[in-house]
Amino acid sequence: MHTLIVIDRPPYGSWSGRESLDMAFSLAAFDKPVSLLFVGEGVLWLSQGQDATGIAQKTVERNLKAAGMFGIESLLADQSACQRFSLTGKTLIDGVETVENLRATLGRYEHVVFPG
């Protein structure tokens, strides 16, 4: 039962994205196959060199870089959203796979969760 969790909110300013990340880590902790798909403003989670000290929060970059070690199978990003926010292979964190066809990507998973 493979689950895809879709994150469509920016990484800061709302807790829904972090709750989605917690959900993914929880599923992975119980050996449930899970992947994350970042769409819209959600792709901003995947930017290298984030600095959230101005809003007194920790960045999500470390969590995402360690996702594979904790059982999250893949980090996917909508290619058109990445282009809109000028995120490229050089500015995305390592291990992110961009996808062109969201409909086909969503169709590969048994469960798709839009927690936002």
PDB file of N, CA and C in Angstrom:
ATOM      1  N   MET A   1       0.838  -1.158   0.000  1.00  0.00           N
ATOM      2  CA  MET A   1       0.000   0.000   0.000  1.00  0.00           C
ATOM      3  C   MET A   1       0.899   1.242   0.000  1.00  0.00           C
ATOM      4  N   HIS A   2       1.237   1.751  -1.183  1.00  0.00           N
ATOM      5  CA  HIS A   2       2.153   2.868  -1.312  1.00  0.00           C
ATOM      6  C   HIS A   2       1.376   4.182  -1.232  1.00  0.00           C
ATOM      7  N   THR A   3       1.873   5.090  -0.380  1.00  0.00           N
ATOM      8  CA  THR A   3       1.207   6.365  -0.146  1.00  0.00           C
ATOM      9  C   THR A   3       2.050   7.504  -0.694  1.00  0.00           C
ATOM     10  N   LEU A   4       1.373   8.455  -1.323  1.00  0.00           N
ATOM     11  CA  LEU A   4       2.000   9.683  -1.789  1.00  0.00           C
ATOM     12  C   LEU A   4       1.376  10.839  -1.013  1.00  0.00           C
ATOM     13  N   ILE A   5       2.218  11.611  -0.354  1.00  0.00           N
ATOM     14  CA  ILE A   5       1.752  12.786   0.381  1.00  0.00           C
ATOM     15  C   ILE A   5       2.144  14.015  -0.435  1.00  0.00           C
ATOM     16  N   VAL A   6       1.150  14.844  -0.745  1.00  0.00           N
ATOM     17  CA  VAL A   6       1.356  16.024  -1.579  1.00  0.00           C
ATOM     18  C   VAL A   6       1.458  17.261  -0.692  1.00  0.00           C
ATOM     19  N   ILE A   7       2.522  18.010  -0.876  1.00  0.00           N
ATOM     20  CA  ILE A   7       2.728  19.251  -0.122  1.00  0.00           C
ATOM     21  C   ILE A   7       2.643  20.412  -1.111  1.00  0.00           C
ATOM     22  N   ASP A   8       1.660  21.280  -0.889  1.00  0.00           N
ATOM     23  CA  ASP A   8       1.431  22.400  -1.815  1.00  0.00           C
ATOM     24  C   ASP A   8       1.553  23.762  -1.143  1.00  0.00           C
ATOM     25  N   ARG A   9       2.042  23.789   0.076  1.00  0.00           N
ATOM     26  CA  ARG A   9       2.197  25.042   0.830  1.00  0.00           C
ATOM     27  C   ARG A   9       3.674  25.359   0.989  1.00  0.00           C
ATOM     28  N   PRO A  10       4.027  26.642   1.116  1.00  0.00           N
ATOM     29  CA  PRO A  10       5.431  26.983   1.355  1.00  0.00           C
ATOM     30  C   PRO A  10       5.881  26.441   2.714  1.00  0.00           C
ATOM     31  N   PRO A  11       7.175  26.305   2.908  1.00  0.00           N
ATOM     32  CA  PRO A  11       7.675  25.664   4.132  1.00  0.00           C
ATOM     33  C   PRO A  11       7.488  26.475   5.410  1.00  0.00           C
ATOM     34  N   TYR A  12       7.257  27.755   5.299  1.00  0.00           N
ATOM     35  CA  TYR A  12       7.168  28.587   6.488  1.00  0.00           C
ATOM     36  C   TYR A  12       5.878  29.385   6.449  1.00  0.00           C
ATOM     37  N   GLY A  13       5.315  29.664   7.613  1.00  0.00           N
ATOM     38  CA  GLY A  13       4.099  30.450   7.693  1.00  0.00           C
ATOM     39  C   GLY A  13       2.870  29.614   8.016  1.00  0.00           C
ATOM     40  N   SER A  14       2.985  28.308   7.908  1.00  0.00           N
ATOM     41  CA  SER A  14       1.878  27.400   8.205  1.00  0.00           C
ATOM     42  C   SER A  14       2.475  26.087   8.698  1.00  0.00           C
ATOM     43  N   TRP A  15       1.765  25.420   9.578  1.00  0.00           N
ATOM     44  CA  TRP A  15       2.266  24.149  10.105  1.00  0.00           C
ATOM     45  C   TRP A  15       1.799  22.957   9.286  1.00  0.00           C
ATOM     46  N   SER A  16       0.927  23.167   8.303  1.00  0.00           N
ATOM     47  CA  SER A  16       0.378  22.027   7.567  1.00  0.00           C
ATOM     48  C   SER A  16       1.463  21.243   6.834  1.00  0.00           C
ATOM     49  N   GLY A  17       2.450  21.924   6.294  1.00  0.00           N
ATOM     50  CA  GLY A  17       3.529  21.220   5.609  1.00  0.00           C
ATOM     51  C   GLY A  17       4.367  20.382   6.556  1.00  0.00           C
ATOM     52  N   ARG A  18       4.661  20.933   7.699  1.00  0.00           N
ATOM     53  CA  ARG A  18       5.446  20.174   8.685  1.00  0.00           C
ATOM     54  C   ARG A  18       4.659  18.980   9.211  1.00  0.00           C
ATOM     55  N   GLU A  19       3.360  19.159   9.344  1.00  0.00           N
ATOM     56  CA  GLU A  19       2.520  18.033   9.756  1.00  0.00           C
ATOM     57  C   GLU A  19       2.511  16.958   8.683  1.00  0.00           C
ATOM     58  N   SER A  20       2.552  17.360   7.433  1.00  0.00           N
ATOM     59  CA  SER A  20       2.634  16.399   6.330  1.00  0.00           C
ATOM     60  C   SER A  20       3.946  15.636   6.385  1.00  0.00           C
ATOM     61  N   LEU A  21       5.011  16.348   6.674  1.00  0.00           N
ATOM     62  CA  LEU A  21       6.318  15.709   6.797  1.00  0.00           C
ATOM     63  C   LEU A  21       6.317  14.731   7.971  1.00  0.00           C
ATOM     64  N   ASP A  22       5.728  15.124   9.094  1.00  0.00           N
ATOM     65  CA  ASP A  22       5.615  14.230  10.250  1.00  0.00           C
ATOM     66  C   ASP A  22       4.817  12.975   9.888  1.00  0.00           C
ATOM     67  N   MET A  23       3.750  13.153   9.117  1.00  0.00           N
ATOM     68  CA  MET A  23       2.944  12.018   8.680  1.00  0.00           C
ATOM     69  C   MET A  23       3.787  11.053   7.844  1.00  0.00           C
ATOM     70  N   ALA A  24       4.590  11.604   6.951  1.00  0.00           N
ATOM     71  CA  ALA A  24       5.441  10.764   6.110  1.00  0.00           C
ATOM     72  C   ALA A  24       6.461   9.992   6.947  1.00  0.00           C
ATOM     73  N   PHE A  25       7.103  10.671   7.894  1.00  0.00           N
ATOM     74  CA  PHE A  25       8.077   9.992   8.752  1.00  0.00           C
ATOM     75  C   PHE A  25       7.395   8.929   9.614  1.00  0.00           C
ATOM     76  N   SER A  26       6.187   9.187  10.058  1.00  0.00           N
ATOM     77  CA  SER A  26       5.450   8.196  10.866  1.00  0.00           C
ATOM     78  C   SER A  26       5.130   6.954  10.039  1.00  0.00           C
ATOM     79  N   LEU A  27       4.654   7.152   8.826  1.00  0.00           N
ATOM     80  CA  LEU A  27       4.369   5.999   7.961  1.00  0.00           C
ATOM     81  C   LEU A  27       5.639   5.196   7.703  1.00  0.00           C
ATOM     82  N   ALA A  28       6.728   5.910   7.401  1.00  0.00           N
ATOM     83  CA  ALA A  28       7.990   5.227   7.131  1.00  0.00           C
ATOM     84  C   ALA A  28       8.489   4.471   8.354  1.00  0.00           C
ATOM     85  N   ALA A  29       8.271   5.009   9.545  1.00  0.00           N
ATOM     86  CA  ALA A  29       8.709   4.343  10.780  1.00  0.00           C
ATOM     87  C   ALA A  29       8.010   2.999  10.972  1.00  0.00           C
ATOM     88  N   PHE A  30       6.810   2.869  10.414  1.00  0.00           N
ATOM     89  CA  PHE A  30       6.070   1.610  10.497  1.00  0.00           C
ATOM     90  C   PHE A  30       6.187   0.805   9.209  1.00  0.00           C
ATOM     91  N   ASP A  31       7.278   1.056   8.469  1.00  0.00           N
ATOM     92  CA  ASP A  31       7.600   0.334   7.236  1.00  0.00           C
ATOM     93  C   ASP A  31       6.507   0.401   6.182  1.00  0.00           C
ATOM     94  N   LYS A  32       5.799   1.514   6.138  1.00  0.00           N
ATOM     95  CA  LYS A  32       4.805   1.752   5.091  1.00  0.00           C
ATOM     96  C   LYS A  32       5.484   2.546   3.979  1.00  0.00           C
ATOM     97  N   PRO A  33       5.414   2.085   2.743  1.00  0.00           N
ATOM     98  CA  PRO A  33       6.048   2.821   1.652  1.00  0.00           C
ATOM     99  C   PRO A  33       5.386   4.190   1.463  1.00  0.00           C
ATOM    100  N   VAL A  34       6.197   5.235   1.473  1.00  0.00           N
ATOM    101  CA  VAL A  34       5.675   6.592   1.357  1.00  0.00           C
ATOM    102  C   VAL A  34       6.651   7.453   0.560  1.00  0.00           C
ATOM    103  N   SER A  35       6.085   8.337  -0.237  1.00  0.00           N
ATOM    104  CA  SER A  35       6.855   9.317  -0.997  1.00  0.00           C
ATOM    105  C   SER A  35       6.211  10.682  -0.800  1.00  0.00           C
ATOM    106  N   LEU A  36       6.974  11.730  -1.079  1.00  0.00           N
ATOM    107  CA  LEU A  36       6.478  13.097  -0.971  1.00  0.00           C
ATOM    108  C   LEU A  36       6.503  13.752  -2.343  1.00  0.00           C
ATOM    109  N   LEU A  37       5.426  14.447  -2.685  1.00  0.00           N
ATOM    110  CA  LEU A  37       5.355  15.213  -3.927  1.00  0.00           C
ATOM    111  C   LEU A  37       5.127  16.676  -3.567  1.00  0.00           C
ATOM    112  N   PHE A  38       5.994  17.541  -4.056  1.00  0.00           N
ATOM    113  CA  PHE A  38       5.910  18.967  -3.797  1.00  0.00           C
ATOM    114  C   PHE A  38       5.401  19.661  -5.052  1.00  0.00           C
ATOM    115  N   VAL A  39       4.314  20.403  -4.905  1.00  0.00           N
ATOM    116  CA  VAL A  39       3.703  21.105  -6.037  1.00  0.00           C
ATOM    117  C   VAL A  39       3.459  22.561  -5.653  1.00  0.00           C
ATOM    118  N   GLY A  40       3.220  23.413  -6.641  1.00  0.00           N
ATOM    119  CA  GLY A  40       2.962  24.828  -6.354  1.00  0.00           C
ATOM    120  C   GLY A  40       4.048  25.424  -5.483  1.00  0.00           C
ATOM    121  N   GLU A  41       3.635  26.233  -4.511  1.00  0.00           N
ATOM    122  CA  GLU A  41       4.598  26.851  -3.599  1.00  0.00           C
ATOM    123  C   GLU A  41       5.313  25.824  -2.726  1.00  0.00           C
ATOM    124  N   GLY A  42       4.819  24.613  -2.695  1.00  0.00           N
ATOM    125  CA  GLY A  42       5.451  23.552  -1.922  1.00  0.00           C
ATOM    126  C   GLY A  42       6.864  23.227  -2.389  1.00  0.00           C
ATOM    127  N   VAL A  43       7.180  23.510  -3.664  1.00  0.00           N
ATOM    128  CA  VAL A  43       8.537  23.220  -4.150  1.00  0.00           C
ATOM    129  C   VAL A  43       9.588  24.051  -3.427  1.00  0.00           C
ATOM    130  N   LEU A  44       9.172  25.128  -2.776  1.00  0.00           N
ATOM    131  CA  LEU A  44      10.128  25.957  -2.042  1.00  0.00           C
ATOM    132  C   LEU A  44      10.759  25.204  -0.872  1.00  0.00           C
ATOM    133  N   TRP A  45      10.131  24.122  -0.441  1.00  0.00           N
ATOM    134  CA  TRP A  45      10.726  23.254   0.588  1.00  0.00           C
ATOM    135  C   TRP A  45      12.067  22.697   0.109  1.00  0.00           C
ATOM    136  N   LEU A  46      12.223  22.565  -1.174  1.00  0.00           N
ATOM    137  CA  LEU A  46      13.338  21.829  -1.747  1.00  0.00           C
ATOM    138  C   LEU A  46      14.529  22.698  -2.121  1.00  0.00           C
ATOM    139  N   SER A  47      14.496  23.946  -1.765  1.00  0.00           N
ATOM    140  CA  SER A  47      15.559  24.881  -2.091  1.00  0.00           C
ATOM    141  C   SER A  47      16.752  24.696  -1.152  1.00  0.00           C
ATOM    142  N   GLN A  48      17.949  24.691  -1.727  1.00  0.00           N
ATOM    143  CA  GLN A  48      19.167  24.596  -0.920  1.00  0.00           C
ATOM    144  C   GLN A  48      19.440  25.916  -0.202  1.00  0.00           C
ATOM    145  N   GLY A  49      20.103  25.834   0.928  1.00  0.00           N
ATOM    146  CA  GLY A  49      20.594  27.009   1.634  1.00  0.00           C
ATOM    147  C   GLY A  49      19.518  27.872   2.266  1.00  0.00           C
ATOM    148  N   GLN A  50      18.471  27.254   2.757  1.00  0.00           N
ATOM    149  CA  GLN A  50      17.397  28.014   3.391  1.00  0.00           C
ATOM    150  C   GLN A  50      17.883  28.661   4.686  1.00  0.00           C
ATOM    151  N   ASP A  51      17.313  29.812   4.990  1.00  0.00           N
ATOM    152  CA  ASP A  51      17.633  30.513   6.232  1.00  0.00           C
ATOM    153  C   ASP A  51      16.336  31.013   6.854  1.00  0.00           C
ATOM    154  N   ALA A  52      15.919  30.375   7.925  1.00  0.00           N
ATOM    155  CA  ALA A  52      14.659  30.745   8.583  1.00  0.00           C
ATOM    156  C   ALA A  52      14.886  31.417   9.930  1.00  0.00           C
ATOM    157  N   THR A  53      16.099  31.875  10.178  1.00  0.00           N
ATOM    158  CA  THR A  53      16.385  32.498  11.469  1.00  0.00           C
ATOM    159  C   THR A  53      15.581  33.783  11.667  1.00  0.00           C
ATOM    160  N   GLY A  54      15.258  34.483  10.590  1.00  0.00           N
ATOM    161  CA  GLY A  54      14.490  35.720  10.690  1.00  0.00           C
ATOM    162  C   GLY A  54      13.091  35.507  11.229  1.00  0.00           C
ATOM    163  N   ILE A  55      12.580  34.286  11.121  1.00  0.00           N
ATOM    164  CA  ILE A  55      11.248  33.977  11.657  1.00  0.00           C
ATOM    165  C   ILE A  55      11.338  32.998  12.825  1.00  0.00           C
ATOM    166  N   ALA A  56      12.554  32.833  13.340  1.00  0.00           N
ATOM    167  CA  ALA A  56      12.811  32.004  14.525  1.00  0.00           C
ATOM    168  C   ALA A  56      12.327  30.560  14.356  1.00  0.00           C
ATOM    169  N   GLN A  57      12.606  29.979  13.181  1.00  0.00           N
ATOM    170  CA  GLN A  57      12.287  28.576  12.946  1.00  0.00           C
ATOM    171  C   GLN A  57      13.521  27.870  12.417  1.00  0.00           C
ATOM    172  N   LYS A  58      13.531  26.567  12.554  1.00  0.00           N
ATOM    173  CA  LYS A  58      14.577  25.755  11.938  1.00  0.00           C
ATOM    174  C   LYS A  58      14.182  25.480  10.498  1.00  0.00           C
ATOM    175  N   THR A  59      15.171  25.343   9.645  1.00  0.00           N
ATOM    176  CA  THR A  59      14.862  25.040   8.251  1.00  0.00           C
ATOM    177  C   THR A  59      14.472  23.572   8.114  1.00  0.00           C
ATOM    178  N   VAL A  60      13.788  23.276   7.037  1.00  0.00           N
ATOM    179  CA  VAL A  60      13.354  21.902   6.769  1.00  0.00           C
ATOM    180  C   VAL A  60      14.361  21.153   5.912  1.00  0.00           C
ATOM    181  N   GLU A  61      15.391  21.838   5.475  1.00  0.00           N
ATOM    182  CA  GLU A  61      16.366  21.248   4.561  1.00  0.00           C
ATOM    183  C   GLU A  61      17.015  19.988   5.124  1.00  0.00           C
ATOM    184  N   ARG A  62      17.436  20.012   6.367  1.00  0.00           N
ATOM    185  CA  ARG A  62      18.087  18.834   6.975  1.00  0.00           C
ATOM    186  C   ARG A  62      17.133  17.644   7.042  1.00  0.00           C
ATOM    187  N   ASN A  63      15.877  17.923   7.422  1.00  0.00           N
ATOM    188  CA  ASN A  63      14.889  16.848   7.490  1.00  0.00           C
ATOM    189  C   ASN A  63      14.738  16.163   6.133  1.00  0.00           C
ATOM    190  N   LEU A  64      14.647  16.968   5.102  1.00  0.00           N
ATOM    191  CA  LEU A  64      14.435  16.411   3.768  1.00  0.00           C
ATOM    192  C   LEU A  64      15.672  15.689   3.250  1.00  0.00           C
ATOM    193  N   LYS A  65      16.838  16.195   3.569  1.00  0.00           N
ATOM    194  CA  LYS A  65      18.067  15.519   3.145  1.00  0.00           C
ATOM    195  C   LYS A  65      18.190  14.147   3.802  1.00  0.00           C
ATOM    196  N   ALA A  66      17.639  13.995   4.996  1.00  0.00           N
ATOM    197  CA  ALA A  66      17.718  12.720   5.727  1.00  0.00           C
ATOM    198  C   ALA A  66      16.517  11.817   5.468  1.00  0.00           C
ATOM    199  N   ALA A  67      15.566  12.265   4.680  1.00  0.00           N
ATOM    200  CA  ALA A  67      14.325  11.508   4.475  1.00  0.00           C
ATOM    201  C   ALA A  67      14.573  10.073   4.016  1.00  0.00           C
ATOM    202  N   GLY A  68      15.489   9.891   3.098  1.00  0.00           N
ATOM    203  CA  GLY A  68      15.784   8.548   2.598  1.00  0.00           C
ATOM    204  C   GLY A  68      16.308   7.617   3.677  1.00  0.00           C
ATOM    205  N   MET A  69      17.096   8.147   4.592  1.00  0.00           N
ATOM    206  CA  MET A  69      17.640   7.322   5.679  1.00  0.00           C
ATOM    207  C   MET A  69      16.543   6.849   6.621  1.00  0.00           C
ATOM    208  N   PHE A  70      15.445   7.602   6.668  1.00  0.00           N
ATOM    209  CA  PHE A  70      14.347   7.262   7.571  1.00  0.00           C
ATOM    210  C   PHE A  70      13.216   6.525   6.875  1.00  0.00           C
ATOM    211  N   GLY A  71      13.431   6.125   5.622  1.00  0.00           N
ATOM    212  CA  GLY A  71      12.468   5.278   4.945  1.00  0.00           C
ATOM    213  C   GLY A  71      11.544   5.944   3.949  1.00  0.00           C
ATOM    214  N   ILE A  72      11.673   7.234   3.756  1.00  0.00           N
ATOM    215  CA  ILE A  72      10.860   7.889   2.733  1.00  0.00           C
ATOM    216  C   ILE A  72      11.482   7.541   1.384  1.00  0.00           C
ATOM    217  N   GLU A  73      10.679   6.951   0.514  1.00  0.00           N
ATOM    218  CA  GLU A  73      11.213   6.379  -0.714  1.00  0.00           C
ATOM    219  C   GLU A  73      11.655   7.399  -1.745  1.00  0.00           C
ATOM    220  N   SER A  74      10.911   8.495  -1.894  1.00  0.00           N
ATOM    221  CA  SER A  74      11.323   9.482  -2.891  1.00  0.00           C
ATOM    222  C   SER A  74      10.767  10.855  -2.584  1.00  0.00           C
ATOM    223  N   LEU A  75      11.521  11.854  -3.041  1.00  0.00           N
ATOM    224  CA  LEU A  75      11.114  13.248  -2.983  1.00  0.00           C
ATOM    225  C   LEU A  75      10.889  13.678  -4.426  1.00  0.00           C
ATOM    226  N   LEU A  76       9.661  14.003  -4.747  1.00  0.00           N
ATOM    227  CA  LEU A  76       9.292  14.367  -6.105  1.00  0.00           C
ATOM    228  C   LEU A  76       8.886  15.834  -6.146  1.00  0.00           C
ATOM    229  N   ALA A  77       9.152  16.490  -7.269  1.00  0.00           N
ATOM    230  CA  ALA A  77       8.784  17.900  -7.414  1.00  0.00           C
ATOM    231  C   ALA A  77       8.190  18.127  -8.791  1.00  0.00           C
ATOM    232  N   ASP A  78       7.133  18.911  -8.820  1.00  0.00           N
ATOM    233  CA  ASP A  78       6.510  19.303 -10.075  1.00  0.00           C
ATOM    234  C   ASP A  78       7.486  20.180 -10.854  1.00  0.00           C
ATOM    235  N   GLN A  79       7.846  19.723 -12.027  1.00  0.00           N
ATOM    236  CA  GLN A  79       8.850  20.425 -12.828  1.00  0.00           C
ATOM    237  C   GLN A  79       8.407  21.843 -13.203  1.00  0.00           C
ATOM    238  N   SER A  80       7.147  22.034 -13.550  1.00  0.00           N
ATOM    239  CA  SER A  80       6.696  23.375 -13.940  1.00  0.00           C
ATOM    240  C   SER A  80       6.727  24.337 -12.745  1.00  0.00           C
ATOM    241  N   ALA A  81       6.406  23.856 -11.550  1.00  0.00           N
ATOM    242  CA  ALA A  81       6.494  24.702 -10.359  1.00  0.00           C
ATOM    243  C   ALA A  81       7.952  25.052 -10.062  1.00  0.00           C
ATOM    244  N   CYS A  82       8.845  24.106 -10.254  1.00  0.00           N
ATOM    245  CA  CYS A  82      10.272  24.389 -10.048  1.00  0.00           C
ATOM    246  C   CYS A  82      10.737  25.480 -11.002  1.00  0.00           C
ATOM    247  N   GLN A  83      10.310  25.387 -12.251  1.00  0.00           N
ATOM    248  CA  GLN A  83      10.686  26.407 -13.225  1.00  0.00           C
ATOM    249  C   GLN A  83      10.125  27.768 -12.827  1.00  0.00           C
ATOM    250  N   ARG A  84       8.883  27.799 -12.366  1.00  0.00           N
ATOM    251  CA  ARG A  84       8.239  29.056 -11.965  1.00  0.00           C
ATOM    252  C   ARG A  84       9.005  29.734 -10.830  1.00  0.00           C
ATOM    253  N   PHE A  85       9.592  28.933  -9.918  1.00  0.00           N
ATOM    254  CA  PHE A  85      10.328  29.494  -8.785  1.00  0.00           C
ATOM    255  C   PHE A  85      11.845  29.440  -8.998  1.00  0.00           C
ATOM    256  N   SER A  86      12.265  29.228 -10.233  1.00  0.00           N
ATOM    257  CA  SER A  86      13.688  29.218 -10.617  1.00  0.00           C
ATOM    258  C   SER A  86      14.511  28.205  -9.839  1.00  0.00           C
ATOM    259  N   LEU A  87      13.923  27.047  -9.579  1.00  0.00           N
ATOM    260  CA  LEU A  87      14.653  25.966  -8.914  1.00  0.00           C
ATOM    261  C   LEU A  87      15.140  24.998  -9.985  1.00  0.00           C
ATOM    262  N   THR A  88      16.430  24.743  -9.964  1.00  0.00           N
ATOM    263  CA  THR A  88      17.042  23.850 -10.943  1.00  0.00           C
ATOM    264  C   THR A  88      17.826  22.773 -10.203  1.00  0.00           C
ATOM    265  N   GLY A  89      18.454  21.894 -10.948  1.00  0.00           N
ATOM    266  CA  GLY A  89      19.289  20.865 -10.346  1.00  0.00           C
ATOM    267  C   GLY A  89      20.366  21.433  -9.448  1.00  0.00           C
ATOM    268  N   LYS A  90      20.804  22.645  -9.726  1.00  0.00           N
ATOM    269  CA  LYS A  90      21.855  23.278  -8.917  1.00  0.00           C
ATOM    270  C   LYS A  90      21.313  23.885  -7.625  1.00  0.00           C
ATOM    271  N   THR A  91      20.032  24.249  -7.611  1.00  0.00           N
ATOM    272  CA  THR A  91      19.478  24.913  -6.425  1.00  0.00           C
ATOM    273  C   THR A  91      18.547  24.015  -5.618  1.00  0.00           C
ATOM    274  N   LEU A  92      18.203  22.852  -6.174  1.00  0.00           N
ATOM    275  CA  LEU A  92      17.386  21.881  -5.437  1.00  0.00           C
ATOM    276  C   LEU A  92      18.277  21.054  -4.525  1.00  0.00           C
ATOM    277  N   ILE A  93      17.748  20.634  -3.382  1.00  0.00           N
ATOM    278  CA  ILE A  93      18.520  19.733  -2.523  1.00  0.00           C
ATOM    279  C   ILE A  93      18.760  18.426  -3.268  1.00  0.00           C
ATOM    280  N   ASP A  94      19.786  17.721  -2.879  1.00  0.00           N
ATOM    281  CA  ASP A  94      20.129  16.457  -3.534  1.00  0.00           C
ATOM    282  C   ASP A  94      19.020  15.423  -3.359  1.00  0.00           C
ATOM    283  N   GLY A  95      18.839  14.617  -4.374  1.00  0.00           N
ATOM    284  CA  GLY A  95      17.914  13.499  -4.285  1.00  0.00           C
ATOM    285  C   GLY A  95      16.501  13.795  -4.737  1.00  0.00           C
ATOM    286  N   VAL A  96      16.244  14.998  -5.228  1.00  0.00           N
ATOM    287  CA  VAL A  96      14.902  15.350  -5.688  1.00  0.00           C
ATOM    288  C   VAL A  96      14.752  14.937  -7.149  1.00  0.00           C
ATOM    289  N   GLU A  97      13.648  14.279  -7.435  1.00  0.00           N
ATOM    290  CA  GLU A  97      13.326  13.898  -8.815  1.00  0.00           C
ATOM    291  C   GLU A  97      12.192  14.793  -9.300  1.00  0.00           C
ATOM    292  N   THR A  98      12.406  15.476 -10.418  1.00  0.00           N
ATOM    293  CA  THR A  98      11.335  16.309 -10.952  1.00  0.00           C
ATOM    294  C   THR A  98      10.446  15.466 -11.860  1.00  0.00           C
ATOM    295  N   VAL A  99       9.159  15.782 -11.857  1.00  0.00           N
ATOM    296  CA  VAL A  99       8.188  15.054 -12.677  1.00  0.00           C
ATOM    297  C   VAL A  99       7.446  16.035 -13.569  1.00  0.00           C
ATOM    298  N   GLU A 100       7.211  15.624 -14.792  1.00  0.00           N
ATOM    299  CA  GLU A 100       6.514  16.470 -15.757  1.00  0.00           C
ATOM    300  C   GLU A 100       5.010  16.261 -15.727  1.00  0.00           C
ATOM    301  N   ASN A 101       4.579  15.036 -15.600  1.00  0.00           N
ATOM    302  CA  ASN A 101       3.162  14.703 -15.720  1.00  0.00           C
ATOM    303  C   ASN A 101       2.599  14.364 -14.341  1.00  0.00           C
ATOM    304  N   LEU A 102       1.940  15.342 -13.718  1.00  0.00           N
ATOM    305  CA  LEU A 102       1.406  15.122 -12.372  1.00  0.00           C
ATOM    306  C   LEU A 102       0.320  14.058 -12.360  1.00  0.00           C
ATOM    307  N   ARG A 103      -0.539  14.047 -13.359  1.00  0.00           N
ATOM    308  CA  ARG A 103      -1.627  13.066 -13.398  1.00  0.00           C
ATOM    309  C   ARG A 103      -1.069  11.640 -13.415  1.00  0.00           C
ATOM    310  N   ALA A 104      -0.065  11.415 -14.234  1.00  0.00           N
ATOM    311  CA  ALA A 104       0.543  10.085 -14.304  1.00  0.00           C
ATOM    312  C   ALA A 104       1.235   9.741 -12.985  1.00  0.00           C
ATOM    313  N   THR A 105       1.876  10.722 -12.381  1.00  0.00           N
ATOM    314  CA  THR A 105       2.557  10.492 -11.105  1.00  0.00           C
ATOM    315  C   THR A 105       1.553  10.111 -10.025  1.00  0.00           C
ATOM    316  N   LEU A 106       0.466  10.852  -9.933  1.00  0.00           N
ATOM    317  CA  LEU A 106      -0.560  10.544  -8.935  1.00  0.00           C
ATOM    318  C   LEU A 106      -1.151   9.160  -9.173  1.00  0.00           C
ATOM    319  N   GLY A 107      -1.271   8.758 -10.408  1.00  0.00           N
ATOM    320  CA  GLY A 107      -1.844   7.459 -10.748  1.00  0.00           C
ATOM    321  C   GLY A 107      -0.990   6.269 -10.358  1.00  0.00           C
ATOM    322  N   ARG A 108       0.266   6.481 -10.064  1.00  0.00           N
ATOM    323  CA  ARG A 108       1.169   5.377  -9.684  1.00  0.00           C
ATOM    324  C   ARG A 108       1.010   4.946  -8.233  1.00  0.00           C
ATOM    325  N   TYR A 109       0.247   5.703  -7.449  1.00  0.00           N
ATOM    326  CA  TYR A 109       0.155   5.436  -6.008  1.00  0.00           C
ATOM    327  C   TYR A 109      -1.236   4.955  -5.622  1.00  0.00           C
ATOM    328  N   GLU A 110      -1.272   4.040  -4.671  1.00  0.00           N
ATOM    329  CA  GLU A 110      -2.544   3.505  -4.190  1.00  0.00           C
ATOM    330  C   GLU A 110      -3.303   4.522  -3.342  1.00  0.00           C
ATOM    331  N   HIS A 111      -2.560   5.312  -2.570  1.00  0.00           N
ATOM    332  CA  HIS A 111      -3.164   6.322  -1.704  1.00  0.00           C
ATOM    333  C   HIS A 111      -2.471   7.644  -1.938  1.00  0.00           C
ATOM    334  N   VAL A 112      -3.254   8.692  -2.178  1.00  0.00           N
ATOM    335  CA  VAL A 112      -2.724  10.042  -2.351  1.00  0.00           C
ATOM    336  C   VAL A 112      -3.377  10.910  -1.287  1.00  0.00           C
ATOM    337  N   VAL A 113      -2.537  11.607  -0.513  1.00  0.00           N
ATOM    338  CA  VAL A 113      -3.018  12.411   0.605  1.00  0.00           C
ATOM    339  C   VAL A 113      -2.669  13.876   0.348  1.00  0.00           C
ATOM    340  N   PHE A 114      -3.682  14.729   0.431  1.00  0.00           N
ATOM    341  CA  PHE A 114      -3.532  16.172   0.320  1.00  0.00           C
ATOM    342  C   PHE A 114      -3.850  16.774   1.686  1.00  0.00           C
ATOM    343  N   PRO A 115      -2.885  16.781   2.616  1.00  0.00           N
ATOM    344  CA  PRO A 115      -3.194  17.199   3.978  1.00  0.00           C
ATOM    345  C   PRO A 115      -3.487  18.688   4.152  1.00  0.00           C
ATOM    346  N   GLY A 116      -2.997  19.547   3.262  1.00  0.00           N
ATOM    347  CA  GLY A 116      -3.128  20.994   3.416  1.00  0.00           C
ATOM    348  C   GLY A 116      -4.515  21.447   3.516  1.00  0.00           C
TER     349      GLY A 116
END
